[in-house]
N, C-alpha and C. Protein backbone atom coordinates (compact mmCIF):
# COMPACT_ATOMS: atom_id res chain seq x y z
N MET A 1 43.54 24.83 8.51
CA MET A 1 42.63 23.71 8.56
C MET A 1 43.30 22.57 9.33
N ALA A 2 42.63 22.05 10.30
CA ALA A 2 43.17 20.97 11.13
C ALA A 2 42.61 19.62 10.68
N PHE A 3 43.43 18.62 10.79
CA PHE A 3 43.02 17.26 10.46
C PHE A 3 42.96 16.43 11.74
N PHE A 4 41.94 15.62 11.84
CA PHE A 4 41.75 14.71 12.95
C PHE A 4 41.42 13.33 12.41
N ILE A 5 41.69 12.33 13.20
CA ILE A 5 41.32 10.97 12.85
C ILE A 5 40.31 10.49 13.88
N GLU A 6 39.18 10.05 13.40
CA GLU A 6 38.18 9.42 14.26
C GLU A 6 38.23 7.92 13.99
N TYR A 7 38.22 7.15 15.06
CA TYR A 7 38.27 5.69 14.91
C TYR A 7 37.64 5.04 16.13
N THR A 8 37.39 3.76 15.99
CA THR A 8 36.86 2.96 17.09
C THR A 8 37.89 1.90 17.42
N PHE A 9 38.30 1.85 18.69
CA PHE A 9 39.26 0.85 19.13
C PHE A 9 38.62 0.03 20.24
N LYS A 10 38.38 -1.23 19.93
CA LYS A 10 37.75 -2.17 20.87
C LYS A 10 36.46 -1.61 21.44
N GLY A 11 35.64 -1.03 20.56
CA GLY A 11 34.32 -0.57 20.96
C GLY A 11 34.26 0.85 21.49
N LYS A 12 35.39 1.52 21.64
CA LYS A 12 35.41 2.90 22.16
C LYS A 12 35.75 3.87 21.05
N ASN A 13 34.92 4.89 20.85
CA ASN A 13 35.18 5.91 19.85
C ASN A 13 36.25 6.87 20.36
N LYS A 14 37.20 7.19 19.49
CA LYS A 14 38.31 8.07 19.86
C LYS A 14 38.61 9.04 18.73
N THR A 15 39.23 10.16 19.08
CA THR A 15 39.65 11.17 18.11
C THR A 15 41.06 11.62 18.48
N ILE A 16 41.94 11.69 17.46
CA ILE A 16 43.30 12.18 17.67
C ILE A 16 43.64 13.18 16.58
N GLY A 17 44.63 14.01 16.83
CA GLY A 17 45.11 14.94 15.82
C GLY A 17 45.98 14.21 14.81
N PHE A 18 46.04 14.74 13.60
CA PHE A 18 46.82 14.10 12.54
C PHE A 18 47.63 15.15 11.80
N ALA A 19 48.91 14.86 11.58
CA ALA A 19 49.78 15.74 10.80
C ALA A 19 50.62 14.88 9.87
N ASN A 20 50.67 15.25 8.59
CA ASN A 20 51.41 14.48 7.60
C ASN A 20 52.90 14.44 7.88
N ASP A 21 53.43 15.45 8.54
CA ASP A 21 54.87 15.47 8.81
C ASP A 21 55.27 14.53 9.96
N ARG A 22 54.32 14.08 10.75
CA ARG A 22 54.62 13.17 11.86
C ARG A 22 54.26 11.72 11.57
N HIS A 23 53.32 11.49 10.65
CA HIS A 23 52.84 10.13 10.39
C HIS A 23 52.81 9.85 8.89
N HIS A 24 53.07 8.61 8.54
CA HIS A 24 53.05 8.19 7.14
C HIS A 24 51.62 8.15 6.60
N ASP A 25 50.72 7.64 7.40
CA ASP A 25 49.31 7.57 7.01
C ASP A 25 48.45 7.47 8.27
N MET A 26 47.13 7.44 8.07
CA MET A 26 46.24 7.43 9.22
C MET A 26 46.35 6.15 10.04
N PHE A 27 46.70 5.05 9.41
CA PHE A 27 46.81 3.78 10.12
C PHE A 27 48.02 3.78 11.06
N SER A 28 49.14 4.33 10.59
CA SER A 28 50.31 4.40 11.46
C SER A 28 50.08 5.35 12.63
N ALA A 29 49.33 6.42 12.40
CA ALA A 29 49.03 7.37 13.47
C ALA A 29 48.18 6.70 14.55
N VAL A 30 47.18 5.96 14.14
CA VAL A 30 46.30 5.29 15.11
C VAL A 30 47.07 4.22 15.87
N CYS A 31 47.89 3.45 15.19
CA CYS A 31 48.65 2.39 15.86
C CYS A 31 49.66 2.97 16.85
N LYS A 32 50.28 4.09 16.48
CA LYS A 32 51.20 4.73 17.41
C LYS A 32 50.46 5.22 18.65
N GLU A 33 49.30 5.79 18.47
CA GLU A 33 48.49 6.27 19.60
C GLU A 33 48.09 5.14 20.53
N GLU A 34 47.77 3.98 19.96
CA GLU A 34 47.31 2.84 20.76
C GLU A 34 48.45 1.93 21.20
N GLY A 35 49.68 2.21 20.76
CA GLY A 35 50.82 1.39 21.16
C GLY A 35 50.91 0.05 20.45
N LEU A 36 50.39 -0.02 19.24
CA LEU A 36 50.41 -1.26 18.47
C LEU A 36 51.63 -1.28 17.54
N ASP A 37 52.25 -2.45 17.39
CA ASP A 37 53.42 -2.61 16.53
C ASP A 37 52.98 -2.93 15.10
N LEU A 38 53.49 -2.18 14.13
CA LEU A 38 53.10 -2.36 12.73
C LEU A 38 54.12 -3.13 11.90
N ASN A 39 55.21 -3.58 12.48
CA ASN A 39 56.26 -4.22 11.69
C ASN A 39 55.77 -5.46 10.95
N LEU A 40 55.02 -6.32 11.61
CA LEU A 40 54.50 -7.52 10.96
C LEU A 40 53.58 -7.15 9.81
N TYR A 41 52.70 -6.19 10.05
CA TYR A 41 51.78 -5.74 9.00
C TYR A 41 52.54 -5.19 7.80
N LEU A 42 53.53 -4.34 8.04
CA LEU A 42 54.29 -3.74 6.94
C LEU A 42 55.03 -4.78 6.12
N ASP A 43 55.60 -5.79 6.79
CA ASP A 43 56.28 -6.87 6.08
C ASP A 43 55.30 -7.66 5.21
N MET A 44 54.16 -8.00 5.78
CA MET A 44 53.16 -8.77 5.03
C MET A 44 52.58 -7.95 3.88
N GLU A 45 52.36 -6.67 4.09
CA GLU A 45 51.84 -5.82 3.03
C GLU A 45 52.83 -5.71 1.88
N GLN A 46 54.11 -5.59 2.20
CA GLN A 46 55.13 -5.52 1.16
C GLN A 46 55.16 -6.80 0.33
N GLN A 47 55.05 -7.95 0.99
CA GLN A 47 55.02 -9.23 0.26
C GLN A 47 53.79 -9.31 -0.63
N LEU A 48 52.66 -8.84 -0.14
CA LEU A 48 51.44 -8.87 -0.92
C LEU A 48 51.55 -7.95 -2.14
N ARG A 49 52.13 -6.76 -1.96
CA ARG A 49 52.30 -5.83 -3.07
C ARG A 49 53.23 -6.40 -4.14
N MET A 50 54.23 -7.19 -3.73
CA MET A 50 55.14 -7.79 -4.69
C MET A 50 54.50 -8.95 -5.44
N SER A 51 53.49 -9.58 -4.83
CA SER A 51 52.90 -10.76 -5.45
C SER A 51 51.65 -10.46 -6.27
N THR A 52 51.04 -9.29 -6.08
CA THR A 52 49.83 -8.97 -6.83
C THR A 52 49.75 -7.48 -7.11
N ARG A 53 49.02 -7.14 -8.14
CA ARG A 53 48.76 -5.74 -8.45
C ARG A 53 47.30 -5.39 -8.18
N ASP A 54 46.58 -6.33 -7.63
CA ASP A 54 45.16 -6.14 -7.35
C ASP A 54 44.99 -5.24 -6.12
N LYS A 55 44.58 -4.01 -6.34
CA LYS A 55 44.44 -3.05 -5.25
C LYS A 55 43.34 -3.44 -4.27
N VAL A 56 42.33 -4.13 -4.76
CA VAL A 56 41.23 -4.57 -3.89
C VAL A 56 41.74 -5.61 -2.89
N ALA A 57 42.60 -6.50 -3.34
CA ALA A 57 43.15 -7.52 -2.45
C ALA A 57 44.01 -6.87 -1.36
N ILE A 58 44.78 -5.87 -1.73
CA ILE A 58 45.62 -5.17 -0.76
C ILE A 58 44.75 -4.42 0.25
N ARG A 59 43.71 -3.76 -0.23
CA ARG A 59 42.80 -3.03 0.64
C ARG A 59 42.07 -3.98 1.58
N ASN A 60 41.62 -5.12 1.08
CA ASN A 60 40.94 -6.11 1.92
C ASN A 60 41.86 -6.66 3.00
N PHE A 61 43.12 -6.92 2.62
CA PHE A 61 44.10 -7.39 3.60
C PHE A 61 44.27 -6.35 4.71
N ARG A 62 44.44 -5.08 4.32
CA ARG A 62 44.62 -4.01 5.30
C ARG A 62 43.41 -3.89 6.22
N ASP A 63 42.22 -3.85 5.64
CA ASP A 63 41.01 -3.71 6.44
C ASP A 63 40.83 -4.87 7.41
N ASN A 64 41.07 -6.08 6.96
CA ASN A 64 40.93 -7.25 7.82
C ASN A 64 41.99 -7.29 8.92
N TYR A 65 43.21 -6.88 8.59
CA TYR A 65 44.28 -6.88 9.59
C TYR A 65 43.95 -5.92 10.73
N PHE A 66 43.55 -4.71 10.39
CA PHE A 66 43.24 -3.73 11.43
C PHE A 66 41.95 -4.07 12.17
N LYS A 67 41.03 -4.73 11.51
CA LYS A 67 39.82 -5.18 12.18
C LYS A 67 40.17 -6.23 13.24
N ASN A 68 41.11 -7.11 12.93
CA ASN A 68 41.55 -8.12 13.89
C ASN A 68 42.27 -7.49 15.08
N LEU A 69 42.90 -6.33 14.88
CA LEU A 69 43.54 -5.61 15.98
C LEU A 69 42.53 -4.89 16.86
N GLY A 70 41.30 -4.77 16.38
CA GLY A 70 40.26 -4.08 17.14
C GLY A 70 39.99 -2.67 16.66
N LEU A 71 40.58 -2.28 15.53
CA LEU A 71 40.40 -0.94 14.98
C LEU A 71 39.37 -0.96 13.86
N THR A 72 38.36 -0.12 13.98
CA THR A 72 37.34 -0.01 12.94
C THR A 72 36.99 1.45 12.73
N LYS A 73 36.29 1.72 11.67
CA LYS A 73 35.76 3.05 11.34
C LYS A 73 36.84 4.14 11.39
N ILE A 74 37.98 3.87 10.76
CA ILE A 74 39.07 4.84 10.75
C ILE A 74 38.81 5.82 9.61
N GLN A 75 38.78 7.12 9.94
CA GLN A 75 38.55 8.13 8.91
C GLN A 75 39.19 9.45 9.29
N VAL A 76 39.70 10.17 8.28
CA VAL A 76 40.28 11.49 8.48
C VAL A 76 39.18 12.53 8.35
N ILE A 77 39.20 13.48 9.27
CA ILE A 77 38.19 14.54 9.28
C ILE A 77 38.89 15.89 9.26
N ARG A 78 38.37 16.81 8.45
CA ARG A 78 38.90 18.17 8.40
C ARG A 78 38.00 19.07 9.22
N LYS A 79 38.62 19.87 10.06
CA LYS A 79 37.86 20.85 10.85
C LYS A 79 38.49 22.21 10.64
N GLU A 80 37.67 23.17 10.36
CA GLU A 80 38.16 24.53 10.12
C GLU A 80 37.95 25.42 11.30
């Protein structure tokens, strides 16, 4: 079974392959494909996780951060 990531980057729909052994999660895979640096995001996410246990706040931060980068509709798809 193959995994793919479908996403929209600055208005263009794209699909890439995904493997757990090469990427930590779907967001890091997409950012690597598009050449985006995640260091600032990872630092801010770590600070947020240390300051709150509210998973909704962390998810909202993540969604808004990637939306500001131009990434939307990120989803993993299984194809057999």
